[in-house]
C-alpha atoms as a PDB file:
ATOM      1  CA  MET A   1     -37.402  35.190  16.799  1.00  0.00           C
ATOM      2  CA  LYS A   2     -39.041  34.385  19.982  1.00  0.00           C
ATOM      3  CA  LEU A   3     -40.970  31.426  18.582  1.00  0.00           C
ATOM      4  CA  LEU A   4     -37.439  30.301  16.691  1.00  0.00           C
ATOM      5  CA  ARG A   5     -36.262  29.926  20.663  1.00  0.00           C
ATOM      6  CA  TYR A   6     -39.017  27.641  21.530  1.00  0.00           C
ATOM      7  CA  ILE A   7     -39.217  25.528  18.392  1.00  0.00           C
ATOM      8  CA  LEU A   8     -35.421  25.369  17.644  1.00  0.00           C
ATOM      9  CA  PRO A   9     -34.940  22.597  20.539  1.00  0.00           C
ATOM     10  CA  LEU A  10     -37.607  20.639  19.951  1.00  0.00           C
ATOM     11  CA  LEU A  11     -36.020  20.300  15.867  1.00  0.00           C
ATOM     12  CA  ILE A  12     -32.816  19.095  17.487  1.00  0.00           C
ATOM     13  CA  MET A  13     -34.549  16.658  20.021  1.00  0.00           C
ATOM     14  CA  THR A  14     -36.592  15.399  17.150  1.00  0.00           C
ATOM     15  CA  THR A  15     -33.683  15.630  14.337  1.00  0.00           C
ATOM     16  CA  GLN A  16     -31.455  12.259  14.177  1.00  0.00           C
ATOM     17  CA  LEU A  17     -28.204  12.300  12.568  1.00  0.00           C
ATOM     18  CA  PRO A  18     -27.647   9.841   9.777  1.00  0.00           C
ATOM     19  CA  ALA A  19     -25.742   6.658  11.153  1.00  0.00           C
ATOM     20  CA  GLN A  20     -22.015   6.754  11.056  1.00  0.00           C
ATOM     21  CA  GLU A  21     -20.624   4.312   8.753  1.00  0.00           C
ATOM     22  CA  THR A  22     -17.025   3.459   9.329  1.00  0.00           C
ATOM     23  CA  VAL A  23     -14.705   2.417   6.316  1.00  0.00           C
ATOM     24  CA  VAL A  24     -11.621   0.296   7.199  1.00  0.00           C
ATOM     25  CA  LEU A  25      -8.871   0.663   4.476  1.00  0.00           C
ATOM     26  CA  LEU A  26      -6.106  -1.925   4.656  1.00  0.00           C
ATOM     27  CA  HIS A  27      -2.789  -1.688   2.103  1.00  0.00           C
ATOM     28  CA  GLY A  28      -1.613  -4.754   0.795  1.00  0.00           C
ATOM     29  CA  LEU A  29       1.343  -6.504   2.279  1.00  0.00           C
ATOM     30  CA  ALA A  30       4.648  -4.493   1.977  1.00  0.00           C
ATOM     31  CA  ARG A  31       2.988  -1.304   1.413  1.00  0.00           C
ATOM     32  CA  THR A  32       2.048   1.834   3.633  1.00  0.00           C
ATOM     33  CA  PRO A  33      -1.365   3.821   4.348  1.00  0.00           C
ATOM     34  CA  LYS A  34       0.046   6.295   1.827  1.00  0.00           C
ATOM     35  CA  SER A  35      -1.273   3.748  -0.967  1.00  0.00           C
ATOM     36  CA  MET A  36      -4.744   4.234   0.181  1.00  0.00           C
ATOM     37  CA  GLU A  37      -4.525   7.868   0.607  1.00  0.00           C
ATOM     38  CA  ARG A  38      -6.408   9.111  -2.547  1.00  0.00           C
ATOM     39  CA  MET A  39      -9.320   6.465  -1.728  1.00  0.00           C
ATOM     40  CA  ALA A  40      -9.365   7.430   2.243  1.00  0.00           C
ATOM     41  CA  ASP A  41      -9.599  11.299   1.298  1.00  0.00           C
ATOM     42  CA  ALA A  42     -12.798  10.438  -1.609  1.00  0.00           C
ATOM     43  CA  LEU A  43     -14.506   8.390   1.428  1.00  0.00           C
ATOM     44  CA  GLU A  44     -13.821  11.321   3.961  1.00  0.00           C
ATOM     45  CA  ALA A  45     -15.192  13.664   1.468  1.00  0.00           C
ATOM     46  CA  ALA A  46     -18.629  11.497   0.877  1.00  0.00           C
ATOM     47  CA  ASN A  47     -18.814  11.617   4.885  1.00  0.00           C
ATOM     48  CA  TYR A  48     -17.594   8.470   5.938  1.00  0.00           C
ATOM     49  CA  LYS A  49     -15.530   7.853   8.746  1.00  0.00           C
ATOM     50  CA  VAL A  50     -12.287   6.328   7.420  1.00  0.00           C
ATOM     51  CA  LEU A  51      -9.700   3.852   9.307  1.00  0.00           C
ATOM     52  CA  ASN A  52      -6.785   3.909   7.274  1.00  0.00           C
ATOM     53  CA  LEU A  53      -4.822   1.915   9.355  1.00  0.00           C
ATOM     54  CA  GLY A  54      -0.551   0.644   8.854  1.00  0.00           C
ATOM     55  CA  TYR A  55       0.984  -2.491   9.853  1.00  0.00           C
ATOM     56  CA  ASP A  56       4.365  -3.806   9.753  1.00  0.00           C
ATOM     57  CA  SER A  57       3.612  -7.029   7.487  1.00  0.00           C
ATOM     58  CA  ARG A  58       7.340  -7.420   6.893  1.00  0.00           C
ATOM     59  CA  HIS A  59       8.389  -7.960  10.544  1.00  0.00           C
ATOM     60  CA  GLN A  60       5.195  -9.453  12.194  1.00  0.00           C
ATOM     61  CA  LYS A  61       2.998 -12.647  11.540  1.00  0.00           C
ATOM     62  CA  ILE A  62      -0.677 -12.134  10.365  1.00  0.00           C
ATOM     63  CA  GLU A  63      -1.929 -13.579  13.137  1.00  0.00           C
ATOM     64  CA  THR A  64      -0.189 -10.787  15.686  1.00  0.00           C
ATOM     65  CA  LEU A  65      -1.139  -8.019  12.747  1.00  0.00           C
ATOM     66  CA  ALA A  66      -4.776  -9.228  13.139  1.00  0.00           C
ATOM     67  CA  GLU A  67      -5.498  -9.064  16.699  1.00  0.00           C
ATOM     68  CA  ASP A  68      -3.362  -5.642  16.657  1.00  0.00           C
ATOM     69  CA  ILE A  69      -5.867  -4.351  13.770  1.00  0.00           C
ATOM     70  CA  ARG A  70      -9.257  -6.057  15.522  1.00  0.00           C
ATOM     71  CA  SER A  71      -8.320  -3.822  18.687  1.00  0.00           C
ATOM     72  CA  ARG A  72      -7.306  -0.634  16.743  1.00  0.00           C
ATOM     73  CA  ILE A  73     -10.740  -1.060  14.927  1.00  0.00           C
ATOM     74  CA  GLN A  74     -12.892  -1.653  17.960  1.00  0.00           C
ATOM     75  CA  LYS A  75     -11.320   1.291  19.851  1.00  0.00           C
ATOM     76  CA  GLN A  76     -11.775   3.676  17.029  1.00  0.00           C
ATOM     77  CA  SER A  77     -15.334   2.873  15.632  1.00  0.00           C
ATOM     78  CA  ALA A  78     -16.791   2.428  18.847  1.00  0.00           C
ATOM     79  CA  ALA A  79     -20.092   4.816  17.559  1.00  0.00           C
ATOM     80  CA  THR A  80     -20.394   3.209  14.277  1.00  0.00           C
ATOM     81  CA  THR A  81     -23.336   1.378  12.941  1.00  0.00           C
ATOM     82  CA  LYS A  82     -21.766  -0.243   9.906  1.00  0.00           C
ATOM     83  CA  ILE A  83     -18.037  -1.284   8.885  1.00  0.00           C
ATOM     84  CA  HIS A  84     -17.025  -1.458   5.891  1.00  0.00           C
ATOM     85  CA  PHE A  85     -13.465  -2.938   4.631  1.00  0.00           C
ATOM     86  CA  VAL A  86     -11.560  -2.078   1.544  1.00  0.00           C
ATOM     87  CA  THR A  87      -8.558  -4.591   0.774  1.00  0.00           C
ATOM     88  CA  PRO A  88      -5.981  -5.242  -2.025  1.00  0.00           C
ATOM     89  CA  SER A  89      -7.413  -8.411  -4.436  1.00  0.00           C
END
């Protein structure tokens, strides 16, 4: 037990956690994040950080939506090493 007390901190210091990857889900125009929930659940179960972002595509210009979404992704994925995007066709 005493040996473990000395070895455990060394193991913690030398063990790197896997890279954090984020998946951004963007629903289609006139849809909601609800339409992407099943995919979000599956991705979270696979240990991805998921951003299932909602946006008001019926009342905002696409340029405004894009800027808002970009800002939200930057704020919510600061520790991310890789970002994936899933959008409708």
